[in-house]
Amino acid sequence: MKKVLRLISFIIMLALTLSVCIISTGAAAVTISNGTAWTDTTGGSIQAHGGGILKVGTTYYWYGEDKIHNSALFKHVCCYSSTDLKNWTWKSYVLNTTSAAELNSCKIERPKVIYNSTTKKYVMWMHYENASDYTLSRVAVATASSPAGPFTYLGSFQPNGGSHDMTVFQDTDGSAYLITTSNSNTNTRLFKLSSDYTTIASEMNMIYSGQNREAPALAKKGSYYYILTSGCSGWYTNQQMYSYATSLNGPWSAPAPIGNTSGFNSQTAFILPIQGTTTSYMYMGDRWNSSALGSSRYVWLPLILNGTSASLEYYDNISIDASAGTISGVTNGSLLSQGKTASAQTSVSGNAAGNANDGNYQTKWAATGVTWPHWWMVDLGQNRTVKNVQISWFMYKGSEGYYRYKIETSTDGKSFTTALDRTGNTTYGFTSDSLSVTARYVRINMVDAVLWNNPSNWYTPQLFEVKVYGS
């Protein structure tokens, strides 16, 4: 009898152990590094720019623009699949230049796919332009019976006001909508789609009038709708904004800033609900490289939506658990600099040194004049191991510049050494640097600034925010 009881006990323990292993395997989190070269499971460059993601069962399908040829001209819409949002399998070119005569020479941008449960069709909406310019201002539509295509091209047309950057949104009641910038990006319009999602049924209230926004992305959480957009500055990044409403038809709140002044060097592409045992929201952005579009990077970040507020912080790495439905930022230690004593070589009245480490991306430190080099410094209070320095640089829309700088450190505030030389920097708006040094004082030595659109250096040294992480 004792042997039987021991055997039963062993079997129970083994079953419990196996069930724990199965649960752990299904809920494994993955880590994704932002701004790096992402590859699919074959090692090929992931080409899904300006795209969006659709979840079908437990599988995510990522659609986007193929820019491997480093051109704005249409080549393919690519499709990849994944179950964990990190390991992506290339599925197919769901749309290409031979799909229709109209696609032989054109531009196709921001493809988004939604599923119609009545027609059993996957419906793709896109921004369509001719090859030479942006005067057509059309949307295009295609459908497929499988998420991996092939998609059948149905044609293009111009909605009221024309269409530039656009997205589609499927509400919880099954109705679907086209949201598009119009009238040369002056307005942002809302259209309800037909029951089969392939045409426009009616135009609804305008979301924005006279706001000059682009790159719209929508999400719904609880009783609130949220829209994220970027400003209009070509390939240059700029301040992303958000608005909220309790009805998709408005009224929408006035645009408010989210993240830093450059969208952490990215432009909104899509908002993905990650649905598991809970639901989280992920900001998907493009870090465009206008000189080599195929090398443009991706920036994915946790998007915090809470009633009337939305917030976005930057992380070099994020952790995603698709089964649990969670996303979180992975920091390189604790935030050491916020609220600590700051000083600068000079500070103009109203833009004190402490503005650059107050946790507010909208306040700034500014020098008293155009003097280079120029330094800004924070006292961490005691010696710390500094591991990461994030800097939100001053930006001037339409004539952006990049700072060439050095990160200098000291243990006594008197003798400084160069911990990181970034005088070769050509990134504007936002930088995130990794290092490992023991220091109490961290000094940003701004050597000079180079204006992309105006080679004459008229910049006054300025910083929006500096965040020092470590232990």
Protein backbone atom coordinates (compact mmCIF):
# COMPACT_ATOMS: atom_id res chain seq x y z
CA MET A 1 0.00 0.00 0.00
CA LYS A 2 2.85 2.40 0.86
CA LYS A 3 4.48 1.66 -2.49
CA VAL A 4 1.22 2.46 -4.27
CA LEU A 5 0.85 5.75 -2.36
CA ARG A 6 4.47 6.70 -3.14
CA LEU A 7 3.87 5.91 -6.82
CA ILE A 8 0.70 8.02 -6.87
CA SER A 9 2.54 10.87 -5.13
CA PHE A 10 5.39 10.65 -7.66
CA ILE A 11 2.94 10.76 -10.59
CA ILE A 12 1.16 13.82 -9.14
CA MET A 13 4.46 15.65 -8.58
CA LEU A 14 5.60 14.77 -12.12
CA ALA A 15 2.32 16.05 -13.57
CA LEU A 16 2.60 19.30 -11.61
CA THR A 17 6.20 19.76 -12.75
CA LEU A 18 5.27 19.19 -16.39
CA SER A 19 2.34 21.60 -16.16
CA VAL A 20 4.60 24.30 -14.68
CA CYS A 21 7.10 23.73 -17.49
CA ILE A 22 4.34 24.00 -20.10
CA ILE A 23 3.00 27.21 -18.55
CA SER A 24 6.49 28.71 -18.34
CA THR A 25 7.25 27.82 -21.94
CA GLY A 26 4.01 29.39 -23.18
CA ALA A 27 4.59 32.63 -21.26
CA ALA A 28 8.24 33.20 -22.13
CA ALA A 29 9.12 36.85 -22.61
CA VAL A 30 11.39 38.08 -25.39
CA THR A 31 13.68 41.11 -25.48
CA ILE A 32 13.77 43.46 -28.46
CA SER A 33 16.48 46.05 -29.11
CA ASN A 34 15.31 49.35 -30.58
CA GLY A 35 16.98 51.14 -33.44
CA THR A 36 19.07 48.13 -34.49
CA ALA A 37 18.97 46.11 -37.71
CA TRP A 38 16.10 43.61 -37.38
CA THR A 39 16.20 40.38 -39.37
CA ASP A 40 13.71 37.61 -40.04
CA THR A 41 14.29 33.94 -39.22
CA THR A 42 16.34 33.51 -42.42
CA GLY A 43 18.60 36.45 -41.60
CA GLY A 44 17.01 38.74 -44.19
CA SER A 45 16.37 42.41 -43.46
CA ILE A 46 12.82 42.97 -42.21
CA GLN A 47 11.14 45.33 -44.67
CA ALA A 48 7.87 46.41 -43.04
CA HIS A 49 8.17 50.19 -42.96
CA GLY A 50 5.14 52.36 -42.30
CA GLY A 51 3.24 49.17 -41.54
CA GLY A 52 0.83 47.60 -39.12
CA ILE A 53 0.17 44.30 -37.38
CA LEU A 54 -2.94 42.09 -37.40
CA LYS A 55 -3.43 39.25 -34.91
CA VAL A 56 -5.08 36.09 -36.27
CA GLY A 57 -5.58 33.47 -33.58
CA THR A 58 -2.26 33.34 -31.74
CA THR A 59 -0.25 34.54 -34.74
CA TYR A 60 0.70 38.13 -35.52
CA TYR A 61 1.02 39.25 -39.16
CA TRP A 62 3.18 42.29 -39.86
CA TYR A 63 2.60 44.16 -43.12
CA GLY A 64 4.76 47.00 -44.39
CA GLU A 65 6.59 48.75 -47.20
CA ASP A 66 9.57 47.10 -48.83
CA LYS A 67 12.30 49.77 -49.07
CA ILE A 68 15.19 47.41 -49.79
CA HIS A 69 15.81 49.32 -53.05
CA ASN A 70 16.28 52.57 -51.04
CA SER A 71 13.52 54.33 -52.95
CA ALA A 72 10.10 55.80 -52.19
CA LEU A 73 8.76 54.00 -55.27
CA PHE A 74 6.57 50.96 -54.69
CA LYS A 75 8.29 47.58 -54.84
CA HIS A 76 6.32 45.23 -52.56
CA VAL A 77 4.10 45.06 -49.53
CA CYS A 78 5.79 42.43 -47.37
CA CYS A 79 4.17 40.11 -44.85
CA TYR A 80 5.84 38.41 -41.86
CA SER A 81 4.37 36.21 -39.13
CA SER A 82 5.30 35.66 -35.49
CA THR A 83 3.83 34.25 -32.29
CA ASP A 84 6.10 36.17 -29.92
CA LEU A 85 6.57 39.53 -31.75
CA LYS A 86 10.33 39.05 -31.98
CA ASN A 87 11.01 36.06 -34.23
CA TRP A 88 9.51 36.93 -37.60
CA THR A 89 9.05 34.49 -40.47
CA TRP A 90 8.90 35.93 -43.97
CA LYS A 91 5.61 34.83 -45.55
CA SER A 92 5.22 36.52 -48.91
CA TYR A 93 5.03 39.63 -51.05
CA VAL A 94 1.30 40.08 -50.59
CA LEU A 95 1.20 42.87 -53.17
CA ASN A 96 3.73 43.81 -55.86
CA THR A 97 4.15 45.81 -59.05
CA THR A 98 2.59 43.04 -61.16
CA SER A 99 -0.57 42.78 -59.03
CA ALA A 100 -2.25 45.41 -61.23
CA ALA A 101 -1.31 47.76 -64.06
CA GLU A 102 -1.85 50.73 -61.74
CA LEU A 103 0.93 49.43 -59.49
CA ASN A 104 3.61 49.31 -62.19
CA SER A 105 4.94 52.77 -61.38
CA CYS A 106 3.61 54.40 -58.21
CA LYS A 107 4.07 54.91 -54.50
CA ILE A 108 2.29 52.69 -51.95
CA GLU A 109 2.62 53.78 -48.32
CA ARG A 110 1.37 52.81 -44.86
CA PRO A 111 -0.44 49.52 -45.68
CA LYS A 112 -2.87 48.43 -42.96
CA VAL A 113 -4.95 45.21 -42.87
CA ILE A 114 -8.19 44.42 -41.03
CA TYR A 115 -10.36 41.29 -41.15
CA ASN A 116 -14.03 41.25 -42.12
CA SER A 117 -15.72 38.34 -40.33
CA THR A 118 -18.81 38.53 -42.56
CA THR A 119 -17.07 38.33 -45.94
CA LYS A 120 -14.16 36.28 -44.53
CA LYS A 121 -11.80 38.66 -46.29
CA TYR A 122 -8.62 40.38 -45.18
CA VAL A 123 -8.84 43.97 -46.38
CA MET A 124 -5.78 46.16 -46.98
CA TRP A 125 -5.94 49.96 -47.24
CA MET A 126 -2.98 52.02 -48.47
CA HIS A 127 -1.95 55.52 -49.45
CA TYR A 128 -1.54 55.65 -53.24
CA GLU A 129 0.44 58.21 -55.29
CA ASN A 130 1.99 58.35 -58.72
CA ALA A 131 5.71 57.81 -59.12
CA SER A 132 6.68 61.42 -59.72
CA ASP A 133 4.95 63.40 -56.97
CA TYR A 134 2.17 63.50 -54.35
CA THR A 135 -0.62 65.13 -56.37
CA LEU A 136 -3.02 62.17 -56.67
CA SER A 137 -3.76 61.98 -52.92
CA ARG A 138 -5.58 58.65 -53.14
CA VAL A 139 -6.30 55.58 -51.07
CA ALA A 140 -6.05 52.07 -52.51
CA VAL A 141 -7.77 48.82 -51.46
CA ALA A 142 -6.95 45.12 -51.84
CA THR A 143 -8.46 41.94 -50.39
CA ALA A 144 -7.37 38.36 -49.70
CA SER A 145 -8.80 35.13 -48.32
CA SER A 146 -5.66 34.43 -46.28
CA PRO A 147 -3.67 36.81 -44.06
CA ALA A 148 -0.53 35.92 -46.03
CA GLY A 149 -2.23 36.70 -49.32
CA PRO A 150 -1.96 36.99 -52.20
CA PHE A 151 -4.08 40.16 -52.15
CA THR A 152 -6.24 41.12 -55.10
CA TYR A 153 -5.93 44.79 -55.95
CA LEU A 154 -9.31 46.53 -56.24
CA GLY A 155 -8.13 49.98 -57.31
CA SER A 156 -7.60 53.50 -55.93
CA PHE A 157 -9.73 56.63 -55.48
CA GLN A 158 -9.57 60.05 -53.89
CA PRO A 159 -11.78 60.59 -50.84
CA ASN A 160 -13.07 64.04 -49.92
CA GLY A 161 -10.12 66.34 -49.33
CA GLY A 162 -7.69 63.80 -50.75
CA SER A 163 -5.60 61.38 -48.72
CA HIS A 164 -1.99 61.37 -47.61
CA ASP A 165 -0.85 59.48 -44.50
CA MET A 166 -3.65 57.17 -43.39
CA THR A 167 -4.65 54.23 -41.25
CA VAL A 168 -7.73 52.06 -40.72
CA PHE A 169 -9.31 51.22 -37.38
CA GLN A 170 -11.73 48.43 -36.48
CA ASP A 171 -13.94 49.19 -33.49
CA THR A 172 -15.13 46.66 -30.94
CA ASP A 173 -18.60 46.56 -32.56
CA GLY A 174 -17.09 45.40 -35.87
CA SER A 175 -17.46 48.70 -37.71
CA ALA A 176 -14.35 49.98 -39.48
CA TYR A 177 -13.02 53.43 -40.30
CA LEU A 178 -10.52 55.22 -42.50
CA ILE A 179 -8.55 57.97 -40.79
CA THR A 180 -6.52 60.09 -43.18
CA THR A 181 -4.74 63.39 -43.41
CA SER A 182 -6.20 65.54 -46.16
CA ASN A 183 -6.01 68.92 -47.88
CA SER A 184 -2.17 68.73 -47.98
CA ASN A 185 -2.12 67.46 -44.37
CA THR A 186 -4.02 70.51 -43.10
CA ASN A 187 -6.93 68.40 -41.86
CA THR A 188 -7.41 64.89 -40.46
CA ARG A 189 -10.65 63.28 -41.63
CA LEU A 190 -12.71 60.33 -40.41
CA PHE A 191 -14.67 58.08 -42.79
CA LYS A 192 -16.87 55.10 -41.92
CA LEU A 193 -16.26 52.13 -44.22
CA SER A 194 -18.89 50.03 -45.94
CA SER A 195 -20.00 46.75 -44.37
CA ASP A 196 -17.45 44.83 -46.48
CA TYR A 197 -14.69 47.37 -45.59
CA THR A 198 -13.77 47.98 -49.24
CA THR A 199 -15.34 51.41 -49.83
CA ILE A 200 -16.35 54.52 -47.92
CA ALA A 201 -19.91 54.57 -46.61
CA SER A 202 -19.97 58.07 -45.11
CA GLU A 203 -17.81 60.92 -43.88
CA MET A 204 -17.99 61.71 -40.19
CA ASN A 205 -16.82 64.63 -38.08
CA MET A 206 -13.32 65.89 -38.76
CA ILE A 207 -10.76 64.89 -36.12
CA TYR A 208 -8.43 67.85 -36.73
CA SER A 209 -8.96 71.00 -38.73
CA GLY A 210 -5.97 73.19 -39.61
CA GLN A 211 -3.54 71.21 -37.42
CA ASN A 212 -1.05 70.06 -40.10
CA ARG A 213 -0.62 66.53 -38.77
CA GLU A 214 0.34 63.23 -40.41
CA ALA A 215 1.11 59.57 -39.57
CA PRO A 216 -2.15 58.82 -37.69
CA ALA A 217 -2.51 55.74 -35.47
CA LEU A 218 -5.53 54.83 -33.32
CA ALA A 219 -6.27 52.71 -30.28
CA LYS A 220 -9.19 52.11 -27.94
CA LYS A 221 -8.95 51.30 -24.27
CA GLY A 222 -12.09 51.04 -22.20
CA SER A 223 -14.37 53.94 -23.08
CA TYR A 224 -11.59 56.11 -24.53
CA TYR A 225 -10.25 56.42 -28.07
CA TYR A 226 -6.75 57.74 -28.67
CA ILE A 227 -5.05 59.09 -31.78
CA LEU A 228 -1.31 59.64 -32.20
CA THR A 229 0.07 61.77 -35.01
CA SER A 230 3.33 63.42 -36.02
CA GLY A 231 4.00 66.89 -37.34
CA CYS A 232 4.83 67.56 -41.00
CA SER A 233 8.58 67.90 -41.55
CA GLY A 234 9.42 65.49 -44.37
CA TRP A 235 11.85 62.78 -43.28
CA TYR A 236 12.80 64.80 -40.19
CA THR A 237 11.35 63.57 -36.91
CA ASN A 238 9.35 65.91 -34.72
CA GLN A 239 7.05 66.11 -31.71
CA GLN A 240 4.42 63.36 -31.66
CA MET A 241 1.02 64.46 -30.30
CA TYR A 242 -2.03 62.66 -28.95
CA SER A 243 -5.72 63.41 -28.49
CA TYR A 244 -8.50 61.46 -26.81
CA ALA A 245 -12.27 61.17 -27.15
CA THR A 246 -15.10 59.12 -25.69
CA SER A 247 -16.65 58.81 -29.16
CA LEU A 248 -14.76 58.09 -32.34
CA ASN A 249 -16.88 60.81 -33.96
CA GLY A 250 -15.57 63.31 -31.43
CA PRO A 251 -15.23 65.81 -30.04
CA TRP A 252 -11.49 65.15 -29.75
CA SER A 253 -9.28 66.90 -27.24
CA ALA A 254 -6.69 69.40 -28.46
CA PRO A 255 -3.39 67.74 -29.48
CA ALA A 256 -0.98 67.37 -26.56
CA PRO A 257 2.70 66.34 -26.71
CA ILE A 258 3.69 62.75 -26.01
CA GLY A 259 7.28 61.53 -25.62
CA ASN A 260 10.14 63.87 -26.40
CA THR A 261 10.39 66.53 -29.10
CA SER A 262 11.62 64.07 -31.75
CA GLY A 263 9.43 61.07 -30.96
CA PHE A 264 12.70 59.55 -29.71
CA ASN A 265 13.89 59.87 -33.29
CA SER A 266 10.89 58.04 -34.77
CA GLN A 267 7.55 58.63 -36.48
CA THR A 268 4.29 56.94 -35.54
CA ALA A 269 3.39 53.93 -37.68
CA PHE A 270 0.83 51.92 -35.66
CA ILE A 271 -0.53 51.18 -32.19
CA LEU A 272 -0.67 47.46 -31.44
CA PRO A 273 -2.86 46.03 -28.65
CA ILE A 274 -0.94 43.05 -27.22
CA GLN A 275 -3.72 40.80 -26.00
CA GLY A 276 -3.06 37.93 -23.62
CA THR A 277 -4.29 37.36 -20.08
CA THR A 278 -4.17 41.15 -19.96
CA THR A 279 -3.92 43.78 -22.70
CA SER A 280 -1.07 46.24 -23.17
CA TYR A 281 -0.43 48.75 -25.94
CA MET A 282 2.70 49.15 -28.03
CA TYR A 283 3.84 52.19 -29.97
CA MET A 284 5.32 51.18 -33.32
CA GLY A 285 7.49 53.82 -34.96
CA ASP A 286 9.80 54.18 -37.95
CA ARG A 287 13.28 55.67 -37.55
CA TRP A 288 13.63 56.83 -41.14
CA ASN A 289 16.96 56.98 -42.94
CA SER A 290 16.21 59.18 -45.94
CA SER A 291 19.58 58.50 -47.58
CA ALA A 292 19.07 54.70 -47.38
CA LEU A 293 15.38 53.96 -46.80
CA GLY A 294 15.94 50.20 -46.71
CA SER A 295 18.14 50.70 -43.65
CA SER A 296 15.46 52.60 -41.75
CA ARG A 297 15.03 51.16 -38.26
CA TYR A 298 12.08 50.37 -36.01
CA VAL A 299 11.29 51.75 -32.55
CA TRP A 300 8.77 49.87 -30.39
CA LEU A 301 7.87 51.22 -26.96
CA PRO A 302 5.29 50.66 -24.20
CA LEU A 303 2.41 53.08 -24.70
CA ILE A 304 0.67 53.93 -21.44
CA LEU A 305 -2.99 54.84 -21.89
CA ASN A 306 -4.88 55.92 -18.79
CA GLY A 307 -8.14 57.79 -19.13
CA THR A 308 -7.40 61.22 -20.55
CA SER A 309 -3.62 60.76 -20.49
CA ALA A 310 -1.15 58.98 -22.73
CA SER A 311 2.59 58.74 -22.14
CA LEU A 312 5.67 57.35 -23.85
CA GLU A 313 9.20 56.79 -22.54
CA TYR A 314 12.24 55.51 -24.36
CA TYR A 315 14.07 52.24 -23.71
CA ASP A 316 16.94 50.77 -25.69
CA ASN A 317 15.38 47.38 -25.01
CA ILE A 318 11.83 46.24 -24.32
CA SER A 319 10.46 42.98 -22.93
CA ILE A 320 7.32 41.50 -24.51
CA ASP A 321 5.30 38.53 -23.30
CA ALA A 322 2.69 37.95 -26.00
CA SER A 323 0.95 35.20 -24.03
CA ALA A 324 0.57 37.38 -20.95
CA GLY A 325 -0.15 40.48 -23.03
CA THR A 326 2.54 42.57 -21.36
CA ILE A 327 5.24 44.95 -22.55
CA SER A 328 7.78 46.73 -20.39
CA GLY A 329 10.90 48.79 -20.78
CA VAL A 330 14.27 47.35 -19.82
CA THR A 331 16.40 50.05 -18.21
CA ASN A 332 20.14 49.97 -17.71
CA GLY A 333 19.88 50.62 -14.00
CA SER A 334 17.92 53.33 -12.17
CA LEU A 335 17.30 56.90 -13.28
CA LEU A 336 20.00 58.77 -11.34
CA SER A 337 19.84 62.31 -12.66
CA GLN A 338 16.26 63.53 -12.37
CA GLY A 339 15.87 66.42 -9.94
CA LYS A 340 19.55 66.44 -9.01
CA THR A 341 21.58 69.65 -8.92
CA ALA A 342 22.44 70.84 -12.42
CA SER A 343 24.68 73.63 -13.66
CA ALA A 344 25.86 74.99 -16.99
CA GLN A 345 28.52 77.21 -18.47
CA THR A 346 25.81 79.85 -18.95
CA SER A 347 22.01 79.87 -18.61
CA VAL A 348 19.57 82.38 -19.99
CA SER A 349 16.83 83.65 -17.69
CA GLY A 350 13.80 81.32 -17.74
CA ASN A 351 15.77 78.38 -19.14
CA ALA A 352 17.82 77.27 -16.15
CA ALA A 353 20.13 74.25 -16.13
CA GLY A 354 17.67 72.33 -13.95
CA ASN A 355 15.12 72.36 -16.78
CA ALA A 356 17.20 69.72 -18.57
CA ASN A 357 16.80 67.10 -15.84
CA ASP A 358 13.36 67.87 -14.44
CA GLY A 359 11.60 64.95 -16.16
CA ASN A 360 9.69 67.27 -18.50
CA TYR A 361 10.52 66.95 -22.19
CA GLN A 362 8.86 70.30 -22.92
CA THR A 363 11.12 72.48 -20.76
CA LYS A 364 14.69 73.25 -21.75
CA TRP A 365 18.00 74.69 -20.69
CA ALA A 366 19.45 77.32 -22.99
CA ALA A 367 22.78 79.15 -23.02
CA THR A 368 22.94 82.93 -23.11
CA GLY A 369 24.28 83.04 -26.66
CA VAL A 370 25.93 81.31 -29.59
CA THR A 371 29.12 80.18 -27.88
CA TRP A 372 30.84 76.87 -28.68
CA PRO A 373 31.90 74.62 -27.08
CA HIS A 374 29.44 74.82 -24.19
CA TRP A 375 28.81 72.49 -21.27
CA TRP A 376 25.89 71.34 -19.10
CA MET A 377 26.43 69.17 -15.99
CA VAL A 378 24.52 67.20 -13.36
CA ASP A 379 25.75 66.25 -9.88
CA LEU A 380 24.49 62.75 -9.02
CA GLY A 381 25.19 63.38 -5.32
CA GLN A 382 27.70 60.56 -4.90
CA ASN A 383 29.81 58.24 -7.02
CA ARG A 384 27.65 56.02 -9.19
CA THR A 385 28.18 53.50 -11.97
CA VAL A 386 26.91 55.34 -15.03
CA LYS A 387 25.61 52.98 -17.74
CA ASN A 388 23.36 54.96 -20.07
CA VAL A 389 22.91 58.61 -21.03
CA GLN A 390 19.85 59.68 -23.00
CA ILE A 391 19.78 63.20 -24.44
CA SER A 392 16.81 65.00 -25.98
CA TRP A 393 18.44 67.65 -28.13
CA PHE A 394 17.07 70.98 -29.21
CA MET A 395 15.27 70.87 -32.55
CA TYR A 396 14.08 73.63 -34.85
CA LYS A 397 11.47 72.39 -37.31
CA GLY A 398 12.56 72.50 -40.93
CA SER A 399 16.23 73.20 -40.25
CA GLU A 400 17.31 70.40 -37.96
CA GLY A 401 20.82 70.08 -36.65
CA TYR A 402 22.84 67.44 -34.93
CA TYR A 403 25.15 68.06 -32.00
CA ARG A 404 28.73 66.83 -31.90
CA TYR A 405 29.51 66.24 -28.27
CA LYS A 406 31.47 64.46 -25.55
CA ILE A 407 30.18 62.84 -22.37
CA GLU A 408 32.69 63.78 -19.67
CA THR A 409 32.73 62.47 -16.11
CA SER A 410 34.38 63.27 -12.80
CA THR A 411 34.44 62.00 -9.23
CA ASP A 412 35.38 65.36 -7.68
CA GLY A 413 33.89 67.97 -10.01
CA LYS A 414 37.34 69.33 -10.86
CA SER A 415 39.16 66.78 -12.97
CA PHE A 416 37.13 65.50 -15.94
CA THR A 417 37.83 62.71 -18.39
CA THR A 418 36.08 61.90 -21.67
CA ALA A 419 33.95 58.84 -21.02
CA LEU A 420 32.52 58.84 -24.55
CA ASP A 421 33.55 60.85 -27.60
CA ARG A 422 30.56 61.54 -29.86
CA THR A 423 32.08 64.28 -31.97
CA GLY A 424 31.29 62.06 -34.94
CA ASN A 425 27.56 62.08 -34.16
CA THR A 426 25.19 62.77 -37.05
CA THR A 427 21.90 61.91 -35.29
CA TYR A 428 19.62 64.78 -34.40
CA GLY A 429 16.76 65.02 -31.92
CA PHE A 430 17.63 62.14 -29.62
CA THR A 431 20.61 59.98 -28.68
CA SER A 432 21.03 57.09 -26.26
CA ASP A 433 24.60 56.16 -25.34
CA SER A 434 25.81 53.13 -23.38
CA LEU A 435 28.95 53.34 -21.27
CA SER A 436 30.34 52.05 -17.99
CA VAL A 437 32.13 54.50 -15.75
CA THR A 438 32.19 55.44 -12.09
CA ALA A 439 31.37 59.11 -11.58
CA ARG A 440 29.51 61.65 -9.48
CA TYR A 441 29.45 64.38 -12.12
CA VAL A 442 28.27 63.86 -15.69
CA ARG A 443 28.99 66.69 -18.10
CA ILE A 444 27.68 67.09 -21.64
CA ASN A 445 30.32 69.01 -23.57
CA MET A 446 28.62 70.35 -26.71
CA VAL A 447 31.45 70.91 -29.19
CA ASP A 448 29.23 72.35 -31.94
CA ALA A 449 26.03 71.80 -33.92
CA VAL A 450 25.71 71.16 -37.64
CA LEU A 451 22.54 72.32 -39.37
CA TRP A 452 21.38 70.01 -42.17
CA ASN A 453 19.49 72.66 -44.09
CA ASN A 454 21.66 75.64 -43.16
CA PRO A 455 25.42 75.09 -42.85
CA SER A 456 25.90 78.38 -41.00
CA ASN A 457 26.01 77.59 -37.29
CA TRP A 458 23.57 79.94 -35.63
CA TYR A 459 22.38 77.54 -32.93
CA THR A 460 22.43 78.62 -29.33
CA PRO A 461 23.39 75.55 -27.22
CA GLN A 462 20.20 74.09 -25.75
CA LEU A 463 19.00 70.83 -24.20
CA PHE A 464 15.48 69.59 -23.56
CA GLU A 465 16.29 66.65 -21.27
CA VAL A 466 19.21 64.54 -20.08
CA LYS A 467 18.59 61.20 -18.38
CA VAL A 468 21.46 59.35 -16.71
CA TYR A 469 20.87 55.69 -15.80
CA GLY A 470 23.05 53.43 -13.68
CA SER A 471 23.53 52.01 -10.22
